[in-house]
Protein backbone atom coordinates (compact mmCIF):
# COMPACT_ATOMS: atom_id res chain seq x y z
CA GLU A 1 14.22 5.84 39.02
CA ILE A 2 12.23 2.70 38.22
CA LEU A 3 14.47 0.67 40.55
CA PHE A 4 14.24 3.28 43.31
CA GLY A 5 10.47 3.38 42.84
CA ALA A 6 10.25 -0.40 43.12
CA ALA A 7 12.35 -0.35 46.30
CA PHE A 8 10.08 2.29 47.85
CA THR A 9 6.87 0.59 46.73
CA GLY A 10 7.96 -2.75 48.12
CA LEU A 11 9.81 -1.78 51.31
CA GLY A 12 9.19 1.94 51.82
CA VAL A 13 11.98 4.17 53.13
CA PRO A 14 14.02 1.17 54.46
CA GLY A 15 14.01 -0.21 50.92
CA LEU A 16 15.35 3.06 49.52
CA VAL A 17 18.10 3.29 52.12
CA ALA A 18 19.07 -0.37 51.72
CA PHE A 19 19.24 0.03 47.94
CA LYS A 20 21.41 3.12 48.31
CA VAL A 21 23.73 1.43 50.81
CA GLY A 22 24.02 -1.59 48.52
CA LEU A 23 25.14 0.59 45.60
CA ILE A 24 27.67 2.45 47.76
CA LEU A 25 29.10 -0.72 49.32
CA THR A 26 29.45 -2.30 45.88
CA THR A 27 31.38 0.74 44.66
CA VAL A 28 33.56 0.93 47.77
CA GLY A 29 34.16 -2.84 47.73
CA LEU A 30 35.41 -2.75 44.13
CA LEU A 31 37.63 0.20 44.95
CA TYR A 32 39.11 -1.51 47.99
CA TRP A 33 39.70 -4.72 46.02
CA ARG A 34 41.55 -2.76 43.33
CA LEU A 35 43.78 -1.04 45.88
CA LEU A 36 44.68 -4.40 47.43
CA ARG A 37 45.58 -5.71 43.97
CA TYR A 38 47.92 -2.75 43.57
CA GLY A 39 49.86 -4.05 46.60
CA LEU A 40 48.62 -1.67 49.28
CA HIS A 41 48.44 -3.05 52.79
CA PRO A 42 44.78 -3.56 53.86
CA LEU A 43 45.02 -0.80 56.47
CA ARG A 44 46.58 1.63 54.03
CA ALA A 45 44.05 0.71 51.35
CA GLY A 46 41.36 1.50 53.89
CA LEU A 47 42.85 4.95 54.49
CA VAL A 48 42.81 5.66 50.75
CA VAL A 49 39.18 4.51 50.58
CA ILE A 50 38.28 6.83 53.49
CA THR A 51 39.93 9.73 51.65
CA ALA A 52 37.98 8.87 48.51
CA LEU A 53 34.76 8.65 50.54
CA MET A 54 35.35 12.11 51.97
CA LEU A 55 35.42 13.41 48.40
CA LEU A 56 32.53 11.18 47.33
CA SER A 57 30.41 12.33 50.26
CA VAL A 58 29.12 15.40 48.37
CA GLY A 59 27.10 12.96 46.26
CA LEU A 60 26.33 10.28 48.84
CA TRP A 61 24.10 12.21 51.26
CA THR A 62 21.03 11.91 49.08
CA ILE A 63 19.21 8.94 47.56
CA ARG A 64 19.46 9.66 43.86
CA PRO A 65 20.15 7.75 40.60
CA GLN A 66 23.53 9.48 40.34
CA LEU A 67 24.77 6.71 42.66
CA PHE A 68 24.76 4.53 39.54
CA THR A 69 27.12 6.98 37.86
CA TYR A 70 29.71 6.49 40.61
CA LEU A 71 29.58 2.71 40.18
CA PHE A 72 29.73 2.80 36.38
CA PHE A 73 32.41 5.49 36.36
CA LEU A 74 34.53 3.23 38.58
CA LEU A 75 33.92 0.28 36.25
CA THR A 76 34.99 2.45 33.30
CA LEU A 77 38.23 3.39 35.03
CA LEU A 78 38.93 -0.23 35.93
CA LEU A 79 38.31 -1.34 32.35
CA ILE A 80 40.55 1.26 30.70
CA ASP A 81 43.22 0.44 33.30
CA ALA A 82 42.92 -3.25 32.34
CA ALA A 83 43.03 -2.36 28.64
CA GLU A 84 46.24 -0.39 29.27
CA ARG A 85 47.74 -3.60 30.64
CA GLY A 86 46.93 -5.53 27.46
CA HIS A 87 43.56 -7.11 28.33
CA LYS A 88 41.62 -6.79 25.06
CA TRP A 89 38.38 -8.10 26.61
CA ALA A 90 38.26 -4.96 28.74
CA LEU A 91 38.24 -2.76 25.64
CA TRP A 92 35.05 -4.27 24.28
CA THR A 93 33.33 -4.53 27.65
CA LEU A 94 33.16 -0.74 27.77
CA PRO A 95 30.21 -0.47 25.30
CA VAL A 96 28.19 -2.85 27.49
CA VAL A 97 28.85 -0.67 30.52
CA MET A 98 27.85 2.43 28.56
CA LEU A 99 24.60 0.83 27.41
CA VAL A 100 23.50 0.03 30.96
CA TRP A 101 24.81 3.36 32.27
CA ALA A 102 22.85 5.39 29.68
CA ASN A 103 19.67 3.73 30.93
CA SER A 104 20.52 4.49 34.57
CA HIS A 105 21.69 8.09 34.85
CA GLY A 106 22.71 11.00 32.63
CA GLY A 107 26.22 10.95 34.07
CA PHE A 108 27.19 8.53 31.30
CA LEU A 109 28.35 11.64 29.43
CA ALA A 110 31.29 11.72 31.85
CA GLY A 111 32.05 8.13 30.93
CA LEU A 112 32.06 8.99 27.23
CA GLY A 113 34.37 11.91 27.99
CA VAL A 114 36.82 9.63 29.80
CA ILE A 115 36.77 7.06 27.00
CA VAL A 116 37.38 9.73 24.34
CA THR A 117 40.19 11.28 26.41
CA TRP A 118 41.90 7.95 27.03
CA ALA A 119 41.46 6.59 23.50
CA GLY A 120 42.61 9.88 21.96
CA ALA A 121 45.75 9.96 24.09
CA ARG A 122 46.50 6.32 23.27
CA ILE A 123 46.07 6.94 19.55
CA LEU A 124 48.49 9.87 19.63
CA LEU A 125 51.07 7.73 21.42
CA LEU A 126 50.63 4.88 18.94
CA LEU A 127 50.92 7.17 15.93
CA ARG A 128 54.21 8.47 17.29
CA SER A 129 55.49 4.91 17.49
CA ALA A 130 57.03 3.46 14.34
CA THR A 131 56.11 -0.14 15.20
CA ARG A 132 52.68 0.00 16.89
CA LYS A 133 50.50 2.10 14.55
CA THR A 134 48.18 -0.85 13.77
CA GLY A 135 46.74 -0.73 17.29
CA ALA A 136 45.25 2.71 16.65
CA LEU A 137 42.28 1.50 14.59
CA PRO A 138 40.40 -0.34 17.39
CA LEU A 139 40.92 2.66 19.67
CA ALA A 140 39.53 4.99 17.01
CA VAL A 141 36.44 2.80 16.63
CA LEU A 142 35.86 2.36 20.37
CA PRO A 143 34.36 5.82 21.14
CA ALA A 144 31.93 5.48 18.22
CA VAL A 145 30.82 2.06 19.42
CA CYS A 146 30.35 3.39 22.97
CA VAL A 147 28.29 6.34 21.71
CA ALA A 148 26.18 3.95 19.61
CA ALA A 149 25.58 1.82 22.71
CA THR A 150 24.23 4.81 24.63
CA LEU A 151 21.65 5.39 21.87
CA VAL A 152 19.93 2.15 22.86
CA ASN A 153 17.53 3.85 25.25
CA PRO A 154 13.84 4.86 25.17
CA TYR A 155 14.67 8.30 23.73
CA GLY A 156 17.44 7.47 21.29
CA VAL A 157 19.63 10.38 20.21
CA ASN A 158 17.24 12.83 21.89
CA LEU A 159 18.60 11.73 25.27
CA ILE A 160 22.12 12.92 24.44
CA SER A 161 20.92 16.21 22.94
CA PHE A 162 18.72 16.81 25.99
CA LEU A 163 21.58 16.13 28.41
CA LEU A 164 23.98 18.35 26.48
CA ARG A 165 21.47 21.19 26.75
CA THR A 166 20.92 20.74 30.47
CA ALA A 167 24.63 20.29 31.21
CA THR A 168 25.77 23.46 29.47
CA VAL A 169 23.50 26.06 31.08
CA ALA A 170 24.17 28.00 34.29
CA ARG A 171 22.72 26.62 37.53
CA PRO A 172 22.92 29.54 39.96
CA GLU A 173 20.19 28.06 42.14
CA ILE A 174 21.91 24.66 42.64
CA GLY A 175 24.91 24.52 44.97
CA GLU A 176 26.43 21.37 43.52
CA TRP A 177 26.70 23.03 40.12
CA GLN A 178 29.00 25.73 41.51
CA PRO A 179 32.84 25.41 41.49
CA ILE A 180 34.43 23.74 44.50
CA SER A 181 35.35 26.10 47.32
CA ILE A 182 38.97 25.48 48.32
CA GLY A 183 38.21 26.89 51.78
CA SER A 184 35.54 24.24 52.44
CA PRO A 185 36.24 20.84 54.11
CA GLU A 186 35.86 19.03 50.80
CA GLY A 187 38.12 21.64 49.19
CA ALA A 188 40.85 20.88 51.75
CA VAL A 189 40.60 17.13 51.09
CA TYR A 190 40.68 17.85 47.35
CA LEU A 191 43.98 19.71 47.76
CA VAL A 192 45.38 16.88 49.89
CA ALA A 193 44.43 14.32 47.23
CA LEU A 194 46.06 16.46 44.54
CA GLY A 195 49.23 16.77 46.61
CA VAL A 196 49.36 13.03 47.30
CA SER A 197 48.85 12.36 43.59
CA ILE A 198 51.77 14.58 42.60
CA VAL A 199 54.11 13.02 45.19
CA ALA A 200 53.08 9.48 44.24
CA LEU A 201 53.44 10.03 40.50
CA PHE A 202 56.86 11.68 40.79
CA GLY A 203 58.16 9.22 43.37
CA SER A 204 56.91 6.01 41.80
CA THR A 205 59.21 3.56 40.07
CA ARG A 206 56.33 1.89 38.24
CA PRO A 207 55.48 2.83 34.63
CA ARG A 208 53.49 6.04 34.36
CA ARG A 209 50.95 5.56 31.60
CA PRO A 210 50.40 8.87 29.75
CA ALA A 211 46.85 8.06 28.58
CA LEU A 212 45.72 7.32 32.13
CA LEU A 213 47.47 10.46 33.36
CA ALA A 214 45.45 12.43 30.79
CA VAL A 215 42.25 11.04 32.31
CA LEU A 216 43.47 11.89 35.81
CA PHE A 217 44.32 15.43 34.73
CA VAL A 218 40.89 16.01 33.18
CA THR A 219 38.98 14.63 36.18
CA ALA A 220 41.15 16.70 38.55
CA LEU A 221 40.03 19.85 36.72
CA LEU A 222 36.32 18.98 36.72
CA PRO A 223 35.61 20.05 40.35
CA MET A 224 36.81 23.52 39.36
CA GLN A 225 33.81 23.63 37.04
CA ALA A 226 31.21 22.08 39.38
CA LEU A 227 31.26 20.50 42.82
CA ARG A 228 29.12 17.62 41.60
CA HIS A 229 32.17 16.34 39.64
CA LEU A 230 34.26 15.91 42.80
CA PRO A 231 33.25 12.23 43.24
CA LEU A 232 34.57 11.50 39.75
CA PHE A 233 37.97 12.85 40.74
CA ALA A 234 37.81 10.82 43.96
CA LEU A 235 37.47 7.60 41.98
CA SER A 236 40.16 8.61 39.49
CA PHE A 237 42.50 9.46 42.35
CA ALA A 238 42.09 6.06 44.00
CA VAL A 239 42.26 3.97 40.81
CA LEU A 240 44.81 5.83 38.69
CA VAL A 241 47.12 6.96 41.51
CA GLY A 242 46.69 3.87 43.70
CA GLU A 243 49.40 1.81 42.00
CA HIS A 244 51.98 4.57 42.33
CA LEU A 245 50.93 5.41 45.88
CA SER A 246 51.41 1.75 46.81
CA ASP A 247 54.90 1.72 45.33
CA VAL A 248 56.01 4.93 47.08
CA TRP A 249 54.37 4.09 50.42
CA ASN A 250 55.78 0.55 50.55
CA ARG A 251 59.30 1.76 49.73
CA TRP A 252 59.25 4.67 52.17
CA SER A 253 57.74 2.72 55.06
CA PRO A 254 57.88 -1.05 54.49
CA SER A 255 57.71 -1.97 58.18
CA ALA A 256 54.10 -0.86 58.53
CA GLY A 257 53.06 -3.62 56.18
CA SER A 258 54.36 -6.42 58.43
CA SER A 259 52.19 -9.00 60.14
CA GLN A 260 51.93 -6.93 63.33
CA TRP A 261 49.36 -4.74 61.56
CA LYS A 262 47.05 -7.62 60.65
CA LEU A 263 43.60 -7.48 62.18
CA PRO A 264 42.20 -10.80 63.49
CA PRO A 265 39.14 -11.79 61.42
CA ALA A 266 37.01 -12.17 64.55
CA VAL A 267 37.71 -8.56 65.56
CA ALA A 268 36.82 -7.37 62.07
CA PHE A 269 33.48 -9.18 62.16
CA VAL A 270 32.69 -7.83 65.63
CA GLY A 271 33.48 -4.30 64.46
CA ALA A 272 31.29 -4.78 61.38
CA ALA A 273 28.43 -6.04 63.56
CA ILE A 274 28.72 -2.99 65.84
CA PHE A 275 28.59 -0.60 62.88
CA LEU A 276 25.66 -2.49 61.38
CA GLY A 277 23.76 -2.33 64.68
CA ALA A 278 24.41 1.39 64.99
CA ALA A 279 23.14 1.92 61.43
CA VAL A 280 19.78 0.18 61.90
CA PRO A 281 17.87 3.30 63.09
CA TYR A 282 18.93 5.17 59.96
CA PHE A 283 17.18 2.65 57.73
CA SER A 284 13.69 3.55 58.93
CA CYS A 285 13.85 7.30 58.44
CA VAL A 286 15.54 9.77 56.12
CA ARG A 287 15.72 12.79 58.40
CA ILE A 288 15.47 16.36 57.13
CA ASP A 289 18.62 18.28 58.02
CA PRO A 290 18.28 22.08 57.65
CA SER A 291 22.07 22.42 57.58
CA PHE A 292 21.86 20.66 54.20
CA ILE A 293 18.42 21.78 52.97
CA SER A 294 15.27 23.07 54.66
CA PHE A 295 11.70 22.22 53.74
CA PRO A 296 8.59 24.24 54.70
CA GLY A 297 7.28 21.64 57.14
CA ARG A 298 4.92 23.83 59.15
CA ALA A 299 3.61 25.84 56.19
CA THR A 300 2.92 22.63 54.26
CA ALA A 301 1.12 21.13 57.25
CA LEU A 302 -1.00 24.28 57.52
CA MET A 303 -1.99 24.09 53.84
CA LYS A 304 -2.86 20.42 54.30
CA ALA A 305 -4.96 21.15 57.41
CA ALA A 306 -6.79 23.86 55.45
CA ASP A 307 -7.49 21.36 52.65
CA ILE A 308 -6.09 23.82 50.13
CA ARG A 309 -6.72 23.41 46.42
CA GLY A 310 -5.08 25.49 43.70
CA ASN A 311 -1.81 26.50 42.04
CA VAL A 312 1.14 27.71 44.12
CA ALA A 313 4.18 29.60 42.90
CA THR A 314 7.25 28.36 44.76
CA PHE A 315 10.94 27.58 44.42
CA PHE A 316 12.98 24.80 42.85
CA ASP A 317 13.88 23.14 46.18
CA TRP A 318 10.37 22.94 47.58
CA GLY A 319 8.29 21.83 44.59
CA GLU A 320 8.45 18.08 45.02
CA TYR A 321 7.95 18.35 48.79
CA LEU A 322 4.67 20.18 48.17
CA ILE A 323 3.64 17.72 45.46
CA TRP A 324 4.14 14.81 47.84
CA HIS A 325 2.13 16.28 50.71
CA LEU A 326 -0.48 18.34 48.85
CA GLY A 327 -0.90 16.82 45.40
CA PRO A 328 -2.88 16.39 43.29
CA GLY A 329 -5.08 19.14 44.72
CA VAL A 330 -2.15 21.58 44.75
CA ARG A 331 0.02 22.10 41.68
CA VAL A 332 3.41 23.84 41.78
CA SER A 333 5.15 26.25 39.41
CA ILE A 334 8.50 24.39 39.42
CA ASP A 335 10.18 21.42 41.07
CA GLY A 336 13.46 19.51 41.02
CA ARG A 337 12.73 17.75 37.76
CA ARG A 338 13.40 21.04 35.91
CA GLU A 339 13.71 20.57 32.13
CA THR A 340 12.44 17.00 32.33
CA VAL A 341 8.94 18.39 32.86
CA TYR A 342 9.07 22.17 32.42
CA SER A 343 9.82 24.22 29.33
CA PRO A 344 12.85 26.56 29.24
CA ALA A 345 10.49 29.55 29.44
CA VAL A 346 8.84 28.24 32.60
CA TYR A 347 12.21 27.38 34.11
CA ASN A 348 13.64 30.84 33.41
CA ARG A 349 10.51 32.44 34.82
CA SER A 350 10.98 30.43 38.02
CA LEU A 351 14.57 31.70 38.34
CA GLN A 352 13.43 35.30 38.02
CA PHE A 353 10.79 34.67 40.68
CA LEU A 354 13.41 33.05 42.94
CA TYR A 355 15.89 35.92 42.77
CA GLY A 356 13.41 38.78 42.36
CA VAL A 357 14.96 40.01 39.12
CA GLY A 358 13.63 40.93 35.69
CA GLU A 359 9.97 40.08 35.29
CA TRP A 360 9.97 38.34 38.66
CA ASP A 361 6.21 38.78 39.09
CA ALA A 362 5.22 37.39 35.69
CA ILE A 363 4.01 34.21 37.35
CA LEU A 364 1.88 36.27 39.76
CA GLU A 365 0.21 38.05 36.85
CA ASP A 366 -0.98 34.69 35.57
CA PRO A 367 -4.62 34.42 36.72
CA ARG A 368 -4.14 30.70 37.32
CA THR A 369 -1.69 31.38 40.19
CA ASP A 370 -3.62 31.23 43.48
CA MET A 371 -0.82 31.28 46.07
CA ALA A 372 2.88 31.91 46.52
CA LEU A 373 5.07 30.11 49.08
CA VAL A 374 8.46 31.82 49.37
CA GLY A 375 11.46 31.75 51.69
CA ARG A 376 11.79 34.65 54.08
CA ASP A 377 15.50 34.89 53.31
CA GLN A 378 14.81 35.45 49.61
CA PRO A 379 14.38 38.90 47.99
CA THR A 380 11.03 37.70 46.70
CA TYR A 381 9.65 37.83 50.23
CA ASN A 382 10.02 41.62 50.51
CA LEU A 383 8.84 42.14 46.94
CA MET A 384 5.73 40.07 47.63
CA ARG A 385 4.86 42.22 50.64
CA LEU A 386 4.85 45.26 48.37
CA LYS A 387 3.05 43.58 45.49
CA PRO A 388 -0.48 45.00 44.95
CA GLY A 389 -3.18 42.36 44.82
CA TRP A 390 -1.39 39.96 47.18
CA ILE A 391 -1.62 39.60 50.96
CA LEU A 392 0.45 37.76 53.54
CA VAL A 393 -1.71 35.11 55.26
CA TYR A 394 0.95 33.10 57.07
CA GLU A 395 4.65 33.25 57.91
CA ASP A 396 7.14 31.50 60.15
CA PRO A 397 10.94 31.78 60.54
CA LEU A 398 11.49 29.92 57.25
CA SER A 399 8.65 30.62 54.85
CA ALA A 400 5.78 32.97 54.02
CA LEU A 401 2.51 32.19 52.26
CA PHE A 402 0.72 34.79 50.14
CA THR A 403 -2.72 34.64 48.50
CA ARG A 404 -4.99 36.95 46.56
CA PRO A 405 -7.15 39.03 48.96
CA ASP A 406 -10.49 37.65 47.78
CA SER A 407 -9.42 34.02 47.38
CA PRO A 408 -11.07 31.19 49.31
CA GLN A 409 -7.59 29.99 50.30
CA ALA A 410 -6.98 33.10 52.44
CA LEU A 411 -9.82 32.40 54.87
CA ALA A 412 -9.15 28.66 54.99
CA ILE A 413 -5.46 29.18 55.82
CA ARG A 414 -6.20 31.72 58.54
CA ASN A 415 -8.64 29.33 60.22
CA ALA A 416 -6.37 26.27 60.00
CA VAL A 417 -3.97 25.07 62.72
CA PRO A 418 -0.62 23.69 61.49
CA GLY A 419 0.34 21.87 64.66
CA GLU A 420 3.62 21.98 66.54
CA LEU A 421 5.85 21.18 63.61
CA PRO A 422 9.32 22.67 63.04
CA PRO A 423 9.12 25.44 60.41
CA ASP A 424 12.12 24.06 58.51
CA GLY A 425 11.25 20.37 58.90
CA ASP A 426 14.20 19.83 61.26
CA ASP A 427 14.43 16.14 62.27
CA LEU A 428 11.21 15.17 60.50
CA CYS A 429 11.31 12.03 58.42
CA PHE A 430 11.37 12.70 54.71
CA PRO A 431 9.05 12.86 52.87
């Protein structure tokens, strides 16, 4: 977040987008290089990368620190793959990766999980061997060293305990925390990747390394628990299956790898220049896309025109949008930072308000709450219309704004003009 903040402070939105693109290109470049080293033809390696990107895309649309997790997860896979091949330096590079990762994004827990899975499987294999039991000790120590490395952060052990709490609670209000839908486009690509993995592993003549297969199996199951884990499987698919896919593909269709498929360097550079030129407009503006998420653009503009001050009860998705446009005069009941800022009691209260269940109006009974901005497609909207002591002062196709009848905000909002802005922020530049 510090690096993203520096990019935005120095270069604004173009700095954020450029930083994001740099992280993604670094990750994709490493992945492509690894596939080439496995013996895949450049065109075929590109097709595997495109497949991986289709799975990664669920985490690439937004500009968030989780982009670091994708890079460091890939580095972790590459290092355990190198360690499997006898490179001892790779084994002890893992703690360094974990140290930097723990200070970048909470996804380092996935890295620890992979290291424990791989090391545990390797230890079991070594213990079953009569001649190689001595190699089990370094592998037993490795997870402990990696965990110790992650403790070198501003919060120490509290960071891990905090992340374990946040990662083990239900997230009904967050789509990416729900299991993957097999009927969705990403679900179809997920099934294709699984099918290709099975064919490649059974058809390959190269050694199948059980410890790496254990990691692949675990990461393949993760999307069943939450969609946000799909990018981790994408990287595991490309790295851990790539060698076997290369072997099967080259044996089944060797002719496609001949020189006739080579692309002249000049053509490649021209194509890259065309793509770069087409991408330039996207660097200046992060556009709001209601098909992904809507923001109350018109309602927020109205509150700003009315020079509103006070506390507004709202939903998880809209909190930070309101903070950006209306703060510090307007304070929100919840925003996307969740447990980082708000207590579990406040967070649970916000969920009840969102879904209109339990003591959904507890926040409205708080005398400090001056307004409520809710989505018209939420049950809270109808409940608010029936709630004594609250009146509807503004609504549009997306949102509705309620105030107390005798509040100064009610008159100010009714007299304000929001302008011709899309209610859902469609095509506006974020923020």
